[in-house]
C-alpha cells in the first residue's frame, strides 16, 4: 500500500491510498495515514486506486474520521471504484464518513 499526500485547498489535505486495504496493506499504510490525518483539520481520502477494503481497512478509516471529528474537523472519502463502493455501502460506513463519487464533490463540502 502506497500513501501520498497533497493539499488541494487551504486547510484540506488529500490522502491518496494506492493498493489493497487488507491486513498487510493497512499495516503498511497506517503510520503514514495517521500522521497525515493528524496534520490537517479536514481530510479527503482518495480511494480511486484502492482495489479492496477489509474490515481492518474500514477500522483505520473510521478511526481517522473520529480523530478529525474530535479535533473539530471532518474527513470524507472520495472516488471509490465499484467494488470498494459496494464494500463501503455494505459496512454502512457512509453513516460515519461521507462518501463522494468525485473528488470535486468532496472538495466542495469544505
PDB file of N, CA and C in Angstrom:
ATOM      1  N   UNK A   1       0.843  -1.178   0.000  1.00  0.00           N
ATOM      2  CA  UNK A   1       0.000   0.000   0.000  1.00  0.00           C
ATOM      3  C   UNK A   1       0.883   1.234   0.000  1.00  0.00           C
ATOM      4  N   UNK A   2       0.618   2.115  -0.937  1.00  0.00           N
ATOM      5  CA  UNK A   2       1.331   3.382  -1.028  1.00  0.00           C
ATOM      6  C   UNK A   2       0.417   4.495  -0.520  1.00  0.00           C
ATOM      7  N   UNK A   3       1.015   5.472   0.105  1.00  0.00           N
ATOM      8  CA  UNK A   3       0.290   6.627   0.628  1.00  0.00           C
ATOM      9  C   UNK A   3       0.967   7.875   0.079  1.00  0.00           C
ATOM     10  N   UNK A   4       0.178   8.754  -0.533  1.00  0.00           N
ATOM     11  CA  UNK A   4       0.719  10.053  -0.937  1.00  0.00           C
ATOM     12  C   UNK A   4      -0.227  11.135  -0.430  1.00  0.00           C
ATOM     13  N   UNK A   5       0.339  12.309  -0.211  1.00  0.00           N
ATOM     14  CA  UNK A   5      -0.408  13.388   0.425  1.00  0.00           C
ATOM     15  C   UNK A   5      -0.191  14.675  -0.356  1.00  0.00           C
ATOM     16  N   UNK A   6      -1.276  15.428  -0.555  1.00  0.00           N
ATOM     17  CA  UNK A   6      -1.164  16.772  -1.113  1.00  0.00           C
ATOM     18  C   UNK A   6      -2.217  17.658  -0.469  1.00  0.00           C
ATOM     19  N   UNK A   7      -2.198  18.938  -0.806  1.00  0.00           N
ATOM     20  CA  UNK A   7      -3.140  19.886  -0.233  1.00  0.00           C
ATOM     21  C   UNK A   7      -3.836  20.637  -1.368  1.00  0.00           C
ATOM     22  N   UNK A   8      -5.005  20.113  -1.812  1.00  0.00           N
ATOM     23  CA  UNK A   8      -5.684  20.726  -2.950  1.00  0.00           C
ATOM     24  C   UNK A   8      -6.391  22.041  -2.621  1.00  0.00           C
ATOM     25  N   UNK A   9      -6.517  22.351  -1.339  1.00  0.00           N
ATOM     26  CA  UNK A   9      -7.249  23.536  -0.910  1.00  0.00           C
ATOM     27  C   UNK A   9      -6.737  23.901   0.488  1.00  0.00           C
ATOM     28  N   UNK A  10      -6.780  25.158   0.845  1.00  0.00           N
ATOM     29  CA  UNK A  10      -6.334  25.568   2.175  1.00  0.00           C
ATOM     30  C   UNK A  10      -7.088  24.789   3.254  1.00  0.00           C
ATOM     31  N   UNK A  11      -6.364  24.311   4.239  1.00  0.00           N
ATOM     32  CA  UNK A  11      -6.918  23.556   5.370  1.00  0.00           C
ATOM     33  C   UNK A  11      -7.513  22.205   4.991  1.00  0.00           C
ATOM     34  N   UNK A  12      -7.243  21.729   3.775  1.00  0.00           N
ATOM     35  CA  UNK A  12      -7.737  20.418   3.340  1.00  0.00           C
ATOM     36  C   UNK A  12      -6.561  19.607   2.815  1.00  0.00           C
ATOM     37  N   UNK A  13      -6.368  18.431   3.379  1.00  0.00           N
ATOM     38  CA  UNK A  13      -5.324  17.518   2.925  1.00  0.00           C
ATOM     39  C   UNK A  13      -5.984  16.333   2.240  1.00  0.00           C
ATOM     40  N   UNK A  14      -5.414  15.966   1.091  1.00  0.00           N
ATOM     41  CA  UNK A  14      -5.885  14.773   0.380  1.00  0.00           C
ATOM     42  C   UNK A  14      -4.862  13.669   0.594  1.00  0.00           C
ATOM     43  N   UNK A  15      -5.367  12.532   1.054  1.00  0.00           N
ATOM     44  CA  UNK A  15      -4.539  11.344   1.231  1.00  0.00           C
ATOM     45  C   UNK A  15      -4.942  10.364   0.139  1.00  0.00           C
ATOM     46  N   UNK A  16      -4.000  10.027  -0.733  1.00  0.00           N
ATOM     47  CA  UNK A  16      -4.267   9.068  -1.813  1.00  0.00           C
ATOM     48  C   UNK A  16      -3.704   7.714  -1.393  1.00  0.00           C
ATOM     49  N   UNK A  17      -4.591   6.730  -1.303  1.00  0.00           N
ATOM     50  CA  UNK A  17      -4.179   5.371  -0.979  1.00  0.00           C
ATOM     51  C   UNK A  17      -4.114   4.572  -2.268  1.00  0.00           C
ATOM     52  N   UNK A  18      -3.083   3.776  -2.413  1.00  0.00           N
ATOM     53  CA  UNK A  18      -2.864   3.020  -3.648  1.00  0.00           C
ATOM     54  C   UNK A  18      -2.520   1.576  -3.292  1.00  0.00           C
ATOM     55  N   UNK A  19      -3.463   0.674  -3.536  1.00  0.00           N
ATOM     56  CA  UNK A  19      -3.245  -0.743  -3.244  1.00  0.00           C
ATOM     57  C   UNK A  19      -4.463  -1.364  -2.581  1.00  0.00           C
ATOM     58  N   UNK A  20      -4.210  -2.357  -1.757  1.00  0.00           N
ATOM     59  CA  UNK A  20      -5.278  -3.070  -1.055  1.00  0.00           C
ATOM     60  C   UNK A  20      -5.256  -2.715   0.425  1.00  0.00           C
ATOM     61  N   UNK A  21      -6.426  -2.350   0.953  1.00  0.00           N
ATOM     62  CA  UNK A  21      -6.543  -2.096   2.385  1.00  0.00           C
ATOM     63  C   UNK A  21      -6.947  -3.386   3.090  1.00  0.00           C
ATOM     64  N   UNK A  22      -6.137  -4.419   2.899  1.00  0.00           N
ATOM     65  CA  UNK A  22      -6.306  -5.663   3.634  1.00  0.00           C
ATOM     66  C   UNK A  22      -5.401  -5.575   4.856  1.00  0.00           C
ATOM     67  N   UNK A  23      -5.175  -6.666   5.557  1.00  0.00           N
ATOM     68  CA  UNK A  23      -4.349  -6.626   6.764  1.00  0.00           C
ATOM     69  C   UNK A  23      -2.948  -6.087   6.462  1.00  0.00           C
ATOM     70  N   UNK A  24      -2.281  -6.655   5.468  1.00  0.00           N
ATOM     71  CA  UNK A  24      -0.915  -6.231   5.141  1.00  0.00           C
ATOM     72  C   UNK A  24      -0.884  -4.783   4.648  1.00  0.00           C
ATOM     73  N   UNK A  25      -1.809  -4.415   3.779  1.00  0.00           N
ATOM     74  CA  UNK A  25      -1.844  -3.059   3.238  1.00  0.00           C
ATOM     75  C   UNK A  25      -2.139  -2.019   4.300  1.00  0.00           C
ATOM     76  N   UNK A  26      -3.065  -2.336   5.192  1.00  0.00           N
ATOM     77  CA  UNK A  26      -3.396  -1.407   6.269  1.00  0.00           C
ATOM     78  C   UNK A  26      -2.215  -1.237   7.208  1.00  0.00           C
ATOM     79  N   UNK A  27      -1.551  -2.333   7.550  1.00  0.00           N
ATOM     80  CA  UNK A  27      -0.372  -2.235   8.417  1.00  0.00           C
ATOM     81  C   UNK A  27       0.712  -1.387   7.760  1.00  0.00           C
ATOM     82  N   UNK A  28       0.891  -1.543   6.462  1.00  0.00           N
ATOM     83  CA  UNK A  28       1.913  -0.785   5.749  1.00  0.00           C
ATOM     84  C   UNK A  28       1.583   0.712   5.691  1.00  0.00           C
ATOM     85  N   UNK A  29       0.290   1.045   5.652  1.00  0.00           N
ATOM     86  CA  UNK A  29      -0.128   2.430   5.461  1.00  0.00           C
ATOM     87  C   UNK A  29      -0.462   3.172   6.748  1.00  0.00           C
ATOM     88  N   UNK A  30      -0.755   2.446   7.806  1.00  0.00           N
ATOM     89  CA  UNK A  30      -1.381   3.051   8.983  1.00  0.00           C
ATOM     90  C   UNK A  30      -0.574   4.186   9.625  1.00  0.00           C
ATOM     91  N   UNK A  31       0.707   4.019   9.804  1.00  0.00           N
ATOM     92  CA  UNK A  31       1.504   5.069  10.455  1.00  0.00           C
ATOM     93  C   UNK A  31       1.497   6.351   9.633  1.00  0.00           C
ATOM     94  N   UNK A  32       1.758   6.226   8.333  1.00  0.00           N
ATOM     95  CA  UNK A  32       1.771   7.404   7.459  1.00  0.00           C
ATOM     96  C   UNK A  32       0.375   8.009   7.330  1.00  0.00           C
ATOM     97  N   UNK A  33      -0.655   7.150   7.235  1.00  0.00           N
ATOM     98  CA  UNK A  33      -2.038   7.616   7.156  1.00  0.00           C
ATOM     99  C   UNK A  33      -2.396   8.416   8.409  1.00  0.00           C
ATOM    100  N   UNK A  34      -2.108   7.863   9.586  1.00  0.00           N
ATOM    101  CA  UNK A  34      -2.451   8.540  10.834  1.00  0.00           C
ATOM    102  C   UNK A  34      -1.722   9.868  10.974  1.00  0.00           C
ATOM    103  N   UNK A  35      -0.469   9.920  10.562  1.00  0.00           N
ATOM    104  CA  UNK A  35       0.286  11.175  10.606  1.00  0.00           C
ATOM    105  C   UNK A  35      -0.336  12.212   9.679  1.00  0.00           C
ATOM    106  N   UNK A  36      -0.747  11.789   8.497  1.00  0.00           N
ATOM    107  CA  UNK A  36      -1.377  12.715   7.546  1.00  0.00           C
ATOM    108  C   UNK A  36      -2.719  13.204   8.076  1.00  0.00           C
ATOM    109  N   UNK A  37      -3.499  12.311   8.676  1.00  0.00           N
ATOM    110  CA  UNK A  37      -4.788  12.702   9.254  1.00  0.00           C
ATOM    111  C   UNK A  37      -4.579  13.750  10.340  1.00  0.00           C
ATOM    112  N   UNK A  38      -3.589  13.548  11.187  1.00  0.00           N
ATOM    113  CA  UNK A  38      -3.333  14.472  12.293  1.00  0.00           C
ATOM    114  C   UNK A  38      -2.771  15.814  11.834  1.00  0.00           C
ATOM    115  N   UNK A  39      -2.300  15.887  10.587  1.00  0.00           N
ATOM    116  CA  UNK A  39      -1.625  17.095  10.109  1.00  0.00           C
ATOM    117  C   UNK A  39      -2.559  18.184   9.602  1.00  0.00           C
ATOM    118  N   UNK A  40      -3.833  17.881   9.453  1.00  0.00           N
ATOM    119  CA  UNK A  40      -4.749  18.855   8.859  1.00  0.00           C
ATOM    120  C   UNK A  40      -6.120  18.744   9.505  1.00  0.00           C
ATOM    121  N   UNK A  41      -6.852  19.832   9.531  1.00  0.00           N
ATOM    122  CA  UNK A  41      -8.186  19.828  10.118  1.00  0.00           C
ATOM    123  C   UNK A  41      -9.164  19.016   9.278  1.00  0.00           C
ATOM    124  N   UNK A  42      -9.068  19.162   7.957  1.00  0.00           N
ATOM    125  CA  UNK A  42     -10.001  18.494   7.057  1.00  0.00           C
ATOM    126  C   UNK A  42      -9.244  17.541   6.131  1.00  0.00           C
ATOM    127  N   UNK A  43      -9.808  16.360   5.936  1.00  0.00           N
ATOM    128  CA  UNK A  43      -9.139  15.307   5.180  1.00  0.00           C
ATOM    129  C   UNK A  43     -10.068  14.743   4.107  1.00  0.00           C
ATOM    130  N   UNK A  44      -9.527  14.560   2.911  1.00  0.00           N
ATOM    131  CA  UNK A  44     -10.178  13.779   1.858  1.00  0.00           C
ATOM    132  C   UNK A  44      -9.313  12.545   1.643  1.00  0.00           C
ATOM    133  N   UNK A  45      -9.904  11.378   1.783  1.00  0.00           N
ATOM    134  CA  UNK A  45      -9.187  10.144   1.497  1.00  0.00           C
ATOM    135  C   UNK A  45      -9.602   9.703   0.095  1.00  0.00           C
ATOM    136  N   UNK A  46      -8.672   9.773  -0.835  1.00  0.00           N
ATOM    137  CA  UNK A  46      -8.908   9.423  -2.236  1.00  0.00           C
ATOM    138  C   UNK A  46      -8.713   7.911  -2.389  1.00  0.00           C
ATOM    139  N   UNK A  47      -9.811   7.222  -2.682  1.00  0.00           N
ATOM    140  CA  UNK A  47      -9.804   5.758  -2.792  1.00  0.00           C
ATOM    141  C   UNK A  47      -9.767   5.283  -4.244  1.00  0.00           C
ATOM    142  N   UNK A  48      -9.471   6.162  -5.184  1.00  0.00           N
ATOM    143  CA  UNK A  48      -9.540   5.804  -6.604  1.00  0.00           C
ATOM    144  C   UNK A  48      -8.568   4.698  -6.990  1.00  0.00           C
ATOM    145  N   UNK A  49      -7.509   4.505  -6.204  1.00  0.00           N
ATOM    146  CA  UNK A  49      -6.517   3.478  -6.524  1.00  0.00           C
ATOM    147  C   UNK A  49      -6.567   2.298  -5.547  1.00  0.00           C
ATOM    148  N   UNK A  50      -7.623   2.237  -4.750  1.00  0.00           N
ATOM    149  CA  UNK A  50      -7.783   1.145  -3.791  1.00  0.00           C
ATOM    150  C   UNK A  50      -8.592   0.037  -4.445  1.00  0.00           C
ATOM    151  N   UNK A  51      -8.021  -1.160  -4.457  1.00  0.00           N
ATOM    152  CA  UNK A  51      -8.655  -2.307  -5.120  1.00  0.00           C
ATOM    153  C   UNK A  51      -9.538  -3.121  -4.193  1.00  0.00           C
ATOM    154  N   UNK A  52      -9.321  -3.023  -2.883  1.00  0.00           N
ATOM    155  CA  UNK A  52     -10.066  -3.840  -1.926  1.00  0.00           C
ATOM    156  C   UNK A  52      -9.952  -3.207  -0.544  1.00  0.00           C
ATOM    157  N   UNK A  53     -11.019  -3.322   0.252  1.00  0.00           N
ATOM    158  CA  UNK A  53     -11.005  -2.833   1.628  1.00  0.00           C
ATOM    159  C   UNK A  53     -11.528  -3.941   2.533  1.00  0.00           C
ATOM    160  N   UNK A  54     -10.723  -4.316   3.530  1.00  0.00           N
ATOM    161  CA  UNK A  54     -11.152  -5.311   4.511  1.00  0.00           C
ATOM    162  C   UNK A  54     -11.656  -4.599   5.766  1.00  0.00           C
ATOM    163  N   UNK A  55     -12.090  -5.366   6.736  1.00  0.00           N
ATOM    164  CA  UNK A  55     -12.575  -4.782   7.989  1.00  0.00           C
ATOM    165  C   UNK A  55     -11.470  -4.012   8.700  1.00  0.00           C
ATOM    166  N   UNK A  56     -10.235  -4.437   8.547  1.00  0.00           N
ATOM    167  CA  UNK A  56      -9.105  -3.731   9.160  1.00  0.00           C
ATOM    168  C   UNK A  56      -8.940  -2.351   8.504  1.00  0.00           C
ATOM    169  N   UNK A  57      -9.105  -2.286   7.198  1.00  0.00           N
ATOM    170  CA  UNK A  57      -9.047  -1.010   6.495  1.00  0.00           C
ATOM    171  C   UNK A  57     -10.196  -0.098   6.883  1.00  0.00           C
ATOM    172  N   UNK A  58     -11.390  -0.667   7.029  1.00  0.00           N
ATOM    173  CA  UNK A  58     -12.559   0.104   7.463  1.00  0.00           C
ATOM    174  C   UNK A  58     -12.277   0.705   8.843  1.00  0.00           C
ATOM    175  N   UNK A  59     -11.706  -0.099   9.735  1.00  0.00           N
ATOM    176  CA  UNK A  59     -11.388   0.375  11.084  1.00  0.00           C
ATOM    177  C   UNK A  59     -10.440   1.572  11.022  1.00  0.00           C
ATOM    178  N   UNK A  60      -9.425   1.505  10.165  1.00  0.00           N
ATOM    179  CA  UNK A  60      -8.473   2.607  10.037  1.00  0.00           C
ATOM    180  C   UNK A  60      -9.184   3.877   9.555  1.00  0.00           C
ATOM    181  N   UNK A  61     -10.068   3.735   8.576  1.00  0.00           N
ATOM    182  CA  UNK A  61     -10.788   4.894   8.043  1.00  0.00           C
ATOM    183  C   UNK A  61     -11.719   5.499   9.097  1.00  0.00           C
ATOM    184  N   UNK A  62     -12.441   4.661   9.817  1.00  0.00           N
ATOM    185  CA  UNK A  62     -13.355   5.151  10.859  1.00  0.00           C
ATOM    186  C   UNK A  62     -12.568   5.847  11.967  1.00  0.00           C
ATOM    187  N   UNK A  63     -11.447   5.264  12.383  1.00  0.00           N
ATOM    188  CA  UNK A  63     -10.622   5.882  13.426  1.00  0.00           C
ATOM    189  C   UNK A  63     -10.125   7.257  12.982  1.00  0.00           C
ATOM    190  N   UNK A  64      -9.741   7.381  11.716  1.00  0.00           N
ATOM    191  CA  UNK A  64      -9.311   8.674  11.190  1.00  0.00           C
ATOM    192  C   UNK A  64     -10.427   9.698  11.214  1.00  0.00           C
ATOM    193  N   UNK A  65     -11.624   9.276  10.835  1.00  0.00           N
ATOM    194  CA  UNK A  65     -12.773  10.180  10.837  1.00  0.00           C
ATOM    195  C   UNK A  65     -13.118  10.619  12.262  1.00  0.00           C
ATOM    196  N   UNK A  66     -13.048   9.696  13.200  1.00  0.00           N
ATOM    197  CA  UNK A  66     -13.337  10.032  14.590  1.00  0.00           C
ATOM    198  C   UNK A  66     -12.294  11.008  15.139  1.00  0.00           C
ATOM    199  N   UNK A  67     -11.039  10.805  14.778  1.00  0.00           N
ATOM    200  CA  UNK A  67      -9.967  11.695  15.195  1.00  0.00           C
ATOM    201  C   UNK A  67     -10.219  13.117  14.709  1.00  0.00           C
ATOM    202  N   UNK A  68     -10.569  13.272  13.437  1.00  0.00           N
ATOM    203  CA  UNK A  68     -10.828  14.606  12.887  1.00  0.00           C
ATOM    204  C   UNK A  68     -12.058  15.226  13.531  1.00  0.00           C
ATOM    205  N   UNK A  69     -13.085  14.430  13.773  1.00  0.00           N
ATOM    206  CA  UNK A  69     -14.300  14.941  14.405  1.00  0.00           C
ATOM    207  C   UNK A  69     -13.996  15.487  15.804  1.00  0.00           C
ATOM    208  N   UNK A  70     -13.207  14.763  16.576  1.00  0.00           N
ATOM    209  CA  UNK A  70     -12.830  15.214  17.925  1.00  0.00           C
ATOM    210  C   UNK A  70     -12.018  16.503  17.873  1.00  0.00           C
ATOM    211  N   UNK A  71     -11.278  16.703  16.791  1.00  0.00           N
ATOM    212  CA  UNK A  71     -10.455  17.904  16.631  1.00  0.00           C
ATOM    213  C   UNK A  71     -11.248  19.070  16.039  1.00  0.00           C
ATOM    214  N   UNK A  72     -12.536  18.855  15.761  1.00  0.00           N
ATOM    215  CA  UNK A  72     -13.365  19.904  15.181  1.00  0.00           C
ATOM    216  C   UNK A  72     -13.305  19.959  13.666  1.00  0.00           C
ATOM    217  N   UNK A  73     -12.719  18.932  13.049  1.00  0.00           N
ATOM    218  CA  UNK A  73     -12.613  18.872  11.594  1.00  0.00           C
ATOM    219  C   UNK A  73     -13.532  17.813  11.008  1.00  0.00           C
ATOM    220  N   UNK A  74     -13.173  17.390   9.812  1.00  0.00           N
ATOM    221  CA  UNK A  74     -14.012  16.432   9.093  1.00  0.00           C
ATOM    222  C   UNK A  74     -13.152  15.619   8.147  1.00  0.00           C
ATOM    223  N   UNK A  75     -13.507  14.357   7.974  1.00  0.00           N
ATOM    224  CA  UNK A  75     -12.860  13.506   6.988  1.00  0.00           C
ATOM    225  C   UNK A  75     -13.933  12.917   6.086  1.00  0.00           C
ATOM    226  N   UNK A  76     -13.653  12.892   4.782  1.00  0.00           N
ATOM    227  CA  UNK A  76     -14.563  12.296   3.812  1.00  0.00           C
ATOM    228  C   UNK A  76     -13.782  11.342   2.913  1.00  0.00           C
ATOM    229  N   UNK A  77     -14.504  10.444   2.276  1.00  0.00           N
ATOM    230  CA  UNK A  77     -13.908   9.505   1.329  1.00  0.00           C
ATOM    231  C   UNK A  77     -14.329   9.908  -0.075  1.00  0.00           C
ATOM    232  N   UNK A  78     -13.461   9.693  -1.048  1.00  0.00           N
ATOM    233  CA  UNK A  78     -13.772  10.111  -2.418  1.00  0.00           C
ATOM    234  C   UNK A  78     -13.307   9.073  -3.428  1.00  0.00           C
ATOM    235  N   UNK A  79     -14.048   8.976  -4.508  1.00  0.00           N
ATOM    236  CA  UNK A  79     -13.711   8.240  -5.717  1.00  0.00           C
ATOM    237  C   UNK A  79     -13.491   6.732  -5.544  1.00  0.00           C
ATOM    238  N   UNK A  80     -14.298   6.058  -4.735  1.00  0.00           N
ATOM    239  CA  UNK A  80     -14.110   4.607  -4.665  1.00  0.00           C
ATOM    240  C   UNK A  80     -14.530   3.943  -5.971  1.00  0.00           C
ATOM    241  N   UNK A  81     -13.839   2.858  -6.355  1.00  0.00           N
ATOM    242  CA  UNK A  81     -14.291   2.108  -7.522  1.00  0.00           C
ATOM    243  C   UNK A  81     -15.550   1.313  -7.134  1.00  0.00           C
ATOM    244  N   UNK A  82     -16.130   0.609  -8.073  1.00  0.00           N
ATOM    245  CA  UNK A  82     -17.404  -0.068  -7.819  1.00  0.00           C
ATOM    246  C   UNK A  82     -17.324  -1.105  -6.694  1.00  0.00           C
ATOM    247  N   UNK A  83     -16.278  -1.929  -6.696  1.00  0.00           N
ATOM    248  CA  UNK A  83     -16.138  -2.937  -5.641  1.00  0.00           C
ATOM    249  C   UNK A  83     -15.966  -2.272  -4.279  1.00  0.00           C
ATOM    250  N   UNK A  84     -15.091  -1.290  -4.218  1.00  0.00           N
ATOM    251  CA  UNK A  84     -14.864  -0.589  -2.955  1.00  0.00           C
ATOM    252  C   UNK A  84     -16.131   0.113  -2.497  1.00  0.00           C
ATOM    253  N   UNK A  85     -16.869   0.716  -3.420  1.00  0.00           N
ATOM    254  CA  UNK A  85     -18.120   1.381  -3.081  1.00  0.00           C
ATOM    255  C   UNK A  85     -19.121   0.387  -2.483  1.00  0.00           C
ATOM    256  N   UNK A  86     -19.203  -0.812  -3.067  1.00  0.00           N
ATOM    257  CA  UNK A  86     -20.114  -1.838  -2.532  1.00  0.00           C
ATOM    258  C   UNK A  86     -19.690  -2.270  -1.136  1.00  0.00           C
ATOM    259  N   UNK A  87     -18.392  -2.442  -0.935  1.00  0.00           N
ATOM    260  CA  UNK A  87     -17.895  -2.828   0.395  1.00  0.00           C
ATOM    261  C   UNK A  87     -18.222  -1.735   1.415  1.00  0.00           C
ATOM    262  N   UNK A  88     -17.959  -0.493   1.062  1.00  0.00           N
ATOM    263  CA  UNK A  88     -18.255   0.615   1.969  1.00  0.00           C
ATOM    264  C   UNK A  88     -19.737   0.680   2.288  1.00  0.00           C
ATOM    265  N   UNK A  89     -20.571   0.506   1.273  1.00  0.00           N
ATOM    266  CA  UNK A  89     -22.018   0.546   1.480  1.00  0.00           C
ATOM    267  C   UNK A  89     -22.473  -0.607   2.383  1.00  0.00           C
ATOM    268  N   UNK A  90     -21.941  -1.789   2.148  1.00  0.00           N
ATOM    269  CA  UNK A  90     -22.316  -2.957   2.945  1.00  0.00           C
ATOM    270  C   UNK A  90     -21.970  -2.750   4.420  1.00  0.00           C
ATOM    271  N   UNK A  91     -20.853  -2.111   4.684  1.00  0.00           N
ATOM    272  CA  UNK A  91     -20.446  -1.884   6.072  1.00  0.00           C
ATOM    273  C   UNK A  91     -21.214  -0.744   6.737  1.00  0.00           C
ATOM    274  N   UNK A  92     -21.858   0.102   5.928  1.00  0.00           N
ATOM    275  CA  UNK A  92     -22.591   1.242   6.472  1.00  0.00           C
ATOM    276  C   UNK A  92     -21.691   2.403   6.876  1.00  0.00           C
ATOM    277  N   UNK A  93     -20.469   2.411   6.381  1.00  0.00           N
ATOM    278  CA  UNK A  93     -19.517   3.454   6.783  1.00  0.00           C
ATOM    279  C   UNK A  93     -19.991   4.856   6.420  1.00  0.00           C
ATOM    280  N   UNK A  94     -20.830   4.969   5.374  1.00  0.00           N
ATOM    281  CA  UNK A  94     -21.252   6.312   4.978  1.00  0.00           C
ATOM    282  C   UNK A  94     -22.120   6.983   6.037  1.00  0.00           C
ATOM    283  N   UNK A  95     -22.572   6.235   7.042  1.00  0.00           N
ATOM    284  CA  UNK A  95     -23.286   6.847   8.165  1.00  0.00           C
ATOM    285  C   UNK A  95     -22.320   7.566   9.105  1.00  0.00           C
ATOM    286  N   UNK A  96     -21.038   7.208   9.008  1.00  0.00           N
ATOM    287  CA  UNK A  96     -19.999   7.805   9.856  1.00  0.00           C
ATOM    288  C   UNK A  96     -19.104   8.736   9.052  1.00  0.00           C
ATOM    289  N   UNK A  97     -18.753   8.306   7.841  1.00  0.00           N
ATOM    290  CA  UNK A  97     -17.839   9.048   6.975  1.00  0.00           C
ATOM    291  C   UNK A  97     -18.515   9.253   5.623  1.00  0.00           C
ATOM    292  N   UNK A  98     -18.786  10.488   5.214  1.00  0.00           N
ATOM    293  CA  UNK A  98     -19.403  10.709   3.904  1.00  0.00           C
ATOM    294  C   UNK A  98     -18.535  10.146   2.773  1.00  0.00           C
ATOM    295  N   UNK A  99     -19.203   9.602   1.759  1.00  0.00           N
ATOM    296  CA  UNK A  99     -18.515   9.037   0.596  1.00  0.00           C
ATOM    297  C   UNK A  99     -18.993   9.792  -0.643  1.00  0.00           C
ATOM    298  N   UNK A 100     -18.038  10.338  -1.402  1.00  0.00           N
ATOM    299  CA  UNK A 100     -18.358  11.092  -2.612  1.00  0.00           C
ATOM    300  C   UNK A 100     -17.800  10.373  -3.830  1.00  0.00           C
ATOM    301  N   UNK A 101     -18.580  10.366  -4.902  1.00  0.00           N
ATOM    302  CA  UNK A 101     -18.175   9.682  -6.128  1.00  0.00           C
ATOM    303  C   UNK A 101     -17.011  10.391  -6.816  1.00  0.00           C
ATOM    304  N   UNK A 102     -16.953  11.708  -6.695  1.00  0.00           N
ATOM    305  CA  UNK A 102     -15.936  12.504  -7.393  1.00  0.00           C
ATOM    306  C   UNK A 102     -15.158  13.380  -6.417  1.00  0.00           C
ATOM    307  N   UNK A 103     -13.914  13.643  -6.742  1.00  0.00           N
ATOM    308  CA  UNK A 103     -13.068  14.486  -5.916  1.00  0.00           C
ATOM    309  C   UNK A 103     -13.632  15.901  -5.805  1.00  0.00           C
ATOM    310  N   UNK A 104     -14.157  16.442  -6.888  1.00  0.00           N
ATOM    311  CA  UNK A 104     -14.729  17.798  -6.864  1.00  0.00           C
ATOM    312  C   UNK A 104     -15.870  17.899  -5.857  1.00  0.00           C
ATOM    313  N   UNK A 105     -16.691  16.847  -5.774  1.00  0.00           N
ATOM    314  CA  UNK A 105     -17.795  16.831  -4.797  1.00  0.00           C
ATOM    315  C   UNK A 105     -17.235  16.846  -3.380  1.00  0.00           C
ATOM    316  N   UNK A 106     -16.188  16.079  -3.134  1.00  0.00           N
ATOM    317  CA  UNK A 106     -15.575  16.043  -1.812  1.00  0.00           C
ATOM    318  C   UNK A 106     -14.976  17.402  -1.452  1.00  0.00           C
ATOM    319  N   UNK A 107     -14.278  18.018  -2.400  1.00  0.00           N
ATOM    320  CA  UNK A 107     -13.697  19.348  -2.151  1.00  0.00           C
ATOM    321  C   UNK A 107     -14.755  20.390  -1.858  1.00  0.00           C
ATOM    322  N   UNK A 108     -15.908  20.287  -2.523  1.00  0.00           N
ATOM    323  CA  UNK A 108     -16.969  21.268  -2.360  1.00  0.00           C
ATOM    324  C   UNK A 108     -17.587  21.248  -0.959  1.00  0.00           C
ATOM    325  N   UNK A 109     -17.412  20.156  -0.221  1.00  0.00           N
ATOM    326  CA  UNK A 109     -18.024  20.094   1.115  1.00  0.00           C
ATOM    327  C   UNK A 109     -17.207  20.832   2.164  1.00  0.00           C
ATOM    328  N   UNK A 110     -16.043  21.356   1.775  1.00  0.00           N
ATOM    329  CA  UNK A 110     -15.208  22.098   2.730  1.00  0.00           C
ATOM    330  C   UNK A 110     -15.214  23.575   2.414  1.00  0.00           C
TER     331      UNK A 110
END
